[in-house]
Structure formats: C-alpha cells, structure tokens
Amino acid sequence: MFGLLFFILFTPGVSEFICTTSDLEISYTFCDSTAHSFMFNLTPCSTKNKPVWKAALTWIPRSDIHFLKIVFNVWYDGAKALLWKEHLCSGADDEYSLCGTLKGETLDSAFDIKGSRFEFPKGNYSIVVQGFSDDSENNMLICLNFTMIVK
C-alpha cells in the first residue's frame, strides 16, 4: 500500500497513479497545462469490506485560500452520475485547516473519505474536482481529473 508521503512537482498532462490493486485502480491528471506542487495519497487501495479511505494532501496553492468552493462532477461508464458543490471556506469561522492558507505556503492535510462505505459497481469512473476562489465559479484555483476503475 502507499503509506509514504512524498512531494513532487507534477508535469502537466502526465497521469499520476494513486494506487493499483487487484480490485481498484485510481489515477489523476490536472485539467490545466500548468505544473503544480501537489501530492494526493489514498489508503487502503481497495473497495473490499467497504473501508473508510484515509486521504493525505500536500499542496502549495498559487493564490490565497480565503474562500473555497469545491465542485465534484462524477461520470460512471460515460453517464453523468453526480454533481455536488460544497463551500469549504467562506472567510469567517471556517472549520477546515486549509482555509486561510496563503499563496506559496505548504498545505498538509489528512482526512477521511467516507463515500467509500458505498458499494461501487464495477466499471469506469471519471471524477472532475474543481476548486474555485469565488462563488460564481470564475476563478479556478485547482482542477483535477481522477480516473477510478473498479475491477
């Protein structure tokens, strides 16, 4: 399993593997053509026994994070399956540690992904995660395109 935490300056357009096992494969690319200082780790790399996934994120944002809106678009075998939007940072009384991170600071965060408690049908998933610094979704901070194959 991937228990090591490492930091890499990723090259645009290159797919980075998060994990590969007999029942699951997850990778991601960036949606834009700019290099990012970013690392994402997920354990366990499995959908068996419905585990709660532990995620670790290391990121150096290119702008201050006072407001952050996350948009998830999920496709399953080519059909749109989910659109979910969430405000993580509003600039006041924010509960997440990433809120208030300044441009150029290293953000280290660990969190649970509880969605792994669901039974994922076998197939191909495409998950686009976008982070915006405004509510109108005009100023994108980051965009990741995850590919998840449940075998």
C-alpha atoms as a PDB file:
ATOM      1  CA  MET A   1       0.000   0.000   0.000  1.00  0.00           C
ATOM      2  CA  PHE A   2       1.081   3.587  -0.480  1.00  0.00           C
ATOM      3  CA  GLY A   3       1.889   4.727   3.030  1.00  0.00           C
ATOM      4  CA  LEU A   4       4.752   7.023   2.082  1.00  0.00           C
ATOM      5  CA  LEU A   5       4.200  10.719   1.827  1.00  0.00           C
ATOM      6  CA  PHE A   6       6.272  12.404  -0.853  1.00  0.00           C
ATOM      7  CA  PHE A   7       6.283  15.729  -2.637  1.00  0.00           C
ATOM      8  CA  ILE A   8       6.590  16.144  -6.382  1.00  0.00           C
ATOM      9  CA  LEU A   9       6.275  18.973  -8.876  1.00  0.00           C
ATOM     10  CA  PHE A  10       3.954  17.295 -11.369  1.00  0.00           C
ATOM     11  CA  THR A  11       4.302  17.767 -15.083  1.00  0.00           C
ATOM     12  CA  PRO A  12       1.103  18.886 -16.827  1.00  0.00           C
ATOM     13  CA  GLY A  13      -0.768  16.221 -18.771  1.00  0.00           C
ATOM     14  CA  VAL A  14       1.038  13.297 -17.114  1.00  0.00           C
ATOM     15  CA  SER A  15      -1.177  10.815 -15.288  1.00  0.00           C
ATOM     16  CA  GLU A  16      -0.145  10.112 -11.696  1.00  0.00           C
ATOM     17  CA  PHE A  17      -1.176   6.805 -10.121  1.00  0.00           C
ATOM     18  CA  ILE A  18      -2.590   6.948  -6.619  1.00  0.00           C
ATOM     19  CA  CYS A  19      -2.953   3.196  -6.319  1.00  0.00           C
ATOM     20  CA  THR A  20      -3.331  -0.036  -8.239  1.00  0.00           C
ATOM     21  CA  THR A  21      -4.552  -3.333  -6.764  1.00  0.00           C
ATOM     22  CA  SER A  22      -6.475  -6.372  -7.985  1.00  0.00           C
ATOM     23  CA  ASP A  23      -9.839  -4.648  -7.363  1.00  0.00           C
ATOM     24  CA  LEU A  24      -9.132  -0.925  -7.825  1.00  0.00           C
ATOM     25  CA  GLU A  25      -7.054   1.498  -9.885  1.00  0.00           C
ATOM     26  CA  ILE A  26      -7.013   5.271  -9.296  1.00  0.00           C
ATOM     27  CA  SER A  27      -5.008   7.923 -11.137  1.00  0.00           C
ATOM     28  CA  TYR A  28      -5.311  11.633 -11.833  1.00  0.00           C
ATOM     29  CA  THR A  29      -4.181  14.419 -14.131  1.00  0.00           C
ATOM     30  CA  PHE A  30      -4.532  18.174 -13.870  1.00  0.00           C
ATOM     31  CA  CYS A  31      -7.155  19.876 -16.027  1.00  0.00           C
ATOM     32  CA  ASP A  32      -4.872  22.762 -16.942  1.00  0.00           C
ATOM     33  CA  SER A  33      -1.432  22.903 -18.527  1.00  0.00           C
ATOM     34  CA  THR A  34       0.372  24.461 -15.548  1.00  0.00           C
ATOM     35  CA  ALA A  35       2.759  22.485 -13.328  1.00  0.00           C
ATOM     36  CA  HIS A  36       1.519  22.059  -9.754  1.00  0.00           C
ATOM     37  CA  SER A  37       3.202  21.365  -6.422  1.00  0.00           C
ATOM     38  CA  PHE A  38       0.759  18.696  -5.316  1.00  0.00           C
ATOM     39  CA  MET A  39       0.555  15.214  -3.786  1.00  0.00           C
ATOM     40  CA  PHE A  40      -2.513  13.103  -3.027  1.00  0.00           C
ATOM     41  CA  ASN A  41      -2.418   9.720  -1.292  1.00  0.00           C
ATOM     42  CA  LEU A  42      -5.238   7.268  -0.512  1.00  0.00           C
ATOM     43  CA  THR A  43      -5.267   4.161   1.705  1.00  0.00           C
ATOM     44  CA  PRO A  44      -6.362   1.438   1.632  1.00  0.00           C
ATOM     45  CA  CYS A  45      -6.359   0.898  -2.106  1.00  0.00           C
ATOM     46  CA  SER A  46      -9.395  -1.328  -2.080  1.00  0.00           C
ATOM     47  CA  THR A  47     -13.176  -1.344  -2.325  1.00  0.00           C
ATOM     48  CA  LYS A  48     -13.414  -4.647  -0.442  1.00  0.00           C
ATOM     49  CA  ASN A  49     -15.065  -4.673   3.001  1.00  0.00           C
ATOM     50  CA  LYS A  50     -16.237  -1.080   2.395  1.00  0.00           C
ATOM     51  CA  PRO A  51     -13.289   0.664   4.074  1.00  0.00           C
ATOM     52  CA  VAL A  52     -13.193   4.309   5.074  1.00  0.00           C
ATOM     53  CA  TRP A  53     -10.413   5.717   2.944  1.00  0.00           C
ATOM     54  CA  LYS A  54      -7.687   7.799   4.576  1.00  0.00           C
ATOM     55  CA  ALA A  55      -6.535  10.630   2.330  1.00  0.00           C
ATOM     56  CA  ALA A  56      -3.424  12.796   2.606  1.00  0.00           C
ATOM     57  CA  LEU A  57      -2.964  16.015   0.657  1.00  0.00           C
ATOM     58  CA  THR A  58       0.115  18.189   0.250  1.00  0.00           C
ATOM     59  CA  TRP A  59      -0.314  21.262  -1.927  1.00  0.00           C
ATOM     60  CA  ILE A  60       1.292  24.666  -2.446  1.00  0.00           C
ATOM     61  CA  PRO A  61      -1.557  26.847  -3.757  1.00  0.00           C
ATOM     62  CA  ARG A  62      -0.869  29.592  -6.287  1.00  0.00           C
ATOM     63  CA  SER A  63      -3.216  32.002  -4.520  1.00  0.00           C
ATOM     64  CA  ASP A  64      -4.553  32.645  -1.011  1.00  0.00           C
ATOM     65  CA  ILE A  65      -7.377  30.378   0.179  1.00  0.00           C
ATOM     66  CA  HIS A  66      -9.878  32.606   1.967  1.00  0.00           C
ATOM     67  CA  PHE A  67     -12.895  31.375   0.005  1.00  0.00           C
ATOM     68  CA  LEU A  68     -13.051  27.873  -1.467  1.00  0.00           C
ATOM     69  CA  LYS A  69     -15.907  26.228  -3.311  1.00  0.00           C
ATOM     70  CA  ILE A  70     -15.404  22.617  -4.412  1.00  0.00           C
ATOM     71  CA  VAL A  71     -17.353  21.153  -7.340  1.00  0.00           C
ATOM     72  CA  PHE A  72     -17.421  17.374  -7.958  1.00  0.00           C
ATOM     73  CA  ASN A  73     -18.640  16.004 -11.297  1.00  0.00           C
ATOM     74  CA  VAL A  74     -18.820  12.206 -11.435  1.00  0.00           C
ATOM     75  CA  TRP A  75     -19.416  10.069 -14.513  1.00  0.00           C
ATOM     76  CA  TYR A  76     -19.928   6.290 -14.378  1.00  0.00           C
ATOM     77  CA  ASP A  77     -19.271   4.379 -17.613  1.00  0.00           C
ATOM     78  CA  GLY A  78     -19.769   7.611 -19.584  1.00  0.00           C
ATOM     79  CA  ALA A  79     -23.060   8.707 -17.957  1.00  0.00           C
ATOM     80  CA  LYS A  80     -23.253  11.637 -15.560  1.00  0.00           C
ATOM     81  CA  ALA A  81     -23.864  10.205 -12.088  1.00  0.00           C
ATOM     82  CA  LEU A  82     -23.379  13.080  -9.635  1.00  0.00           C
ATOM     83  CA  LEU A  83     -22.891  16.837  -9.367  1.00  0.00           C
ATOM     84  CA  TRP A  84     -22.022  18.033  -5.860  1.00  0.00           C
ATOM     85  CA  LYS A  85     -20.966  21.513  -4.729  1.00  0.00           C
ATOM     86  CA  GLU A  86     -19.668  22.434  -1.283  1.00  0.00           C
ATOM     87  CA  HIS A  87     -18.303  25.624   0.296  1.00  0.00           C
ATOM     88  CA  LEU A  88     -15.258  24.640   2.366  1.00  0.00           C
ATOM     89  CA  CYS A  89     -14.037  28.148   3.171  1.00  0.00           C
ATOM     90  CA  SER A  90     -16.100  31.306   3.446  1.00  0.00           C
ATOM     91  CA  GLY A  91     -13.586  33.583   5.172  1.00  0.00           C
ATOM     92  CA  ALA A  92     -15.339  33.518   8.545  1.00  0.00           C
ATOM     93  CA  ASP A  93     -15.449  30.775  11.207  1.00  0.00           C
ATOM     94  CA  ASP A  94     -14.075  28.167   8.798  1.00  0.00           C
ATOM     95  CA  GLU A  95     -13.759  24.649  10.209  1.00  0.00           C
ATOM     96  CA  TYR A  96     -11.218  23.259   7.733  1.00  0.00           C
ATOM     97  CA  SER A  97      -7.481  23.658   8.311  1.00  0.00           C
ATOM     98  CA  LEU A  98      -6.802  24.559   4.666  1.00  0.00           C
ATOM     99  CA  CYS A  99      -8.847  27.756   4.993  1.00  0.00           C
ATOM    100  CA  GLY A 100      -6.569  30.762   5.364  1.00  0.00           C
ATOM    101  CA  THR A 101      -3.599  29.115   3.636  1.00  0.00           C
ATOM    102  CA  LEU A 102      -1.602  31.791   1.853  1.00  0.00           C
ATOM    103  CA  LYS A 103      -0.134  31.645  -1.647  1.00  0.00           C
ATOM    104  CA  GLY A 104       3.167  29.745  -1.533  1.00  0.00           C
ATOM    105  CA  GLU A 105       2.565  28.122   1.873  1.00  0.00           C
ATOM    106  CA  THR A 106       2.651  24.339   2.069  1.00  0.00           C
ATOM    107  CA  LEU A 107      -0.717  22.886   2.945  1.00  0.00           C
ATOM    108  CA  ASP A 108      -0.594  19.450   4.618  1.00  0.00           C
ATOM    109  CA  SER A 109      -3.931  17.851   5.423  1.00  0.00           C
ATOM    110  CA  ALA A 110      -5.237  14.392   6.257  1.00  0.00           C
ATOM    111  CA  PHE A 111      -8.919  13.454   6.134  1.00  0.00           C
ATOM    112  CA  ASP A 112     -11.357  10.556   5.740  1.00  0.00           C
ATOM    113  CA  ILE A 113     -13.376   9.913   2.595  1.00  0.00           C
ATOM    114  CA  LYS A 114     -16.495   8.290   3.920  1.00  0.00           C
ATOM    115  CA  GLY A 115     -18.033   7.736   0.480  1.00  0.00           C
ATOM    116  CA  SER A 116     -16.006   4.545   0.281  1.00  0.00           C
ATOM    117  CA  ARG A 117     -18.618   2.944   2.567  1.00  0.00           C
ATOM    118  CA  PHE A 118     -20.827   2.596  -0.507  1.00  0.00           C
ATOM    119  CA  GLU A 119     -20.711  -0.365  -2.838  1.00  0.00           C
ATOM    120  CA  PHE A 120     -19.089   0.803  -6.065  1.00  0.00           C
ATOM    121  CA  PRO A 121     -20.336  -1.143  -9.082  1.00  0.00           C
ATOM    122  CA  LYS A 122     -17.595  -2.438 -11.356  1.00  0.00           C
ATOM    123  CA  GLY A 123     -16.794  -0.031 -14.138  1.00  0.00           C
ATOM    124  CA  ASN A 124     -15.021   3.163 -15.086  1.00  0.00           C
ATOM    125  CA  TYR A 125     -15.477   6.377 -13.134  1.00  0.00           C
ATOM    126  CA  SER A 126     -14.343   9.835 -14.186  1.00  0.00           C
ATOM    127  CA  ILE A 127     -14.316  12.382 -11.371  1.00  0.00           C
ATOM    128  CA  VAL A 128     -13.520  16.036 -12.025  1.00  0.00           C
ATOM    129  CA  VAL A 129     -12.786  18.028  -8.866  1.00  0.00           C
ATOM    130  CA  GLN A 130     -12.597  21.797  -9.241  1.00  0.00           C
ATOM    131  CA  GLY A 131     -11.715  24.358  -6.583  1.00  0.00           C
ATOM    132  CA  PHE A 132     -12.856  27.974  -7.022  1.00  0.00           C
ATOM    133  CA  SER A 133     -11.918  31.118  -5.105  1.00  0.00           C
ATOM    134  CA  ASP A 134     -15.330  32.679  -5.787  1.00  0.00           C
ATOM    135  CA  ASP A 135     -18.982  31.625  -5.668  1.00  0.00           C
ATOM    136  CA  SER A 136     -19.539  32.387  -9.364  1.00  0.00           C
ATOM    137  CA  GLU A 137     -17.021  29.628 -10.314  1.00  0.00           C
ATOM    138  CA  ASN A 138     -14.949  32.002 -12.459  1.00  0.00           C
ATOM    139  CA  ASN A 139     -11.636  31.900 -10.589  1.00  0.00           C
ATOM    140  CA  MET A 140     -10.363  28.316 -10.524  1.00  0.00           C
ATOM    141  CA  LEU A 141      -7.611  27.513  -8.008  1.00  0.00           C
ATOM    142  CA  ILE A 142      -7.181  23.879  -8.971  1.00  0.00           C
ATOM    143  CA  CYS A 143      -8.765  21.249 -11.204  1.00  0.00           C
ATOM    144  CA  LEU A 144      -8.102  17.508 -11.057  1.00  0.00           C
ATOM    145  CA  ASN A 145      -9.418  14.762 -13.309  1.00  0.00           C
ATOM    146  CA  PHE A 146      -9.482  11.434 -11.434  1.00  0.00           C
ATOM    147  CA  THR A 147      -9.920   8.101 -13.168  1.00  0.00           C
ATOM    148  CA  MET A 148     -11.165   5.240 -10.990  1.00  0.00           C
ATOM    149  CA  ILE A 149     -11.553   1.712 -12.347  1.00  0.00           C
ATOM    150  CA  VAL A 150     -13.371  -0.747 -10.121  1.00  0.00           C
ATOM    151  CA  LYS A 151     -12.480  -4.255 -11.284  1.00  0.00           C
END
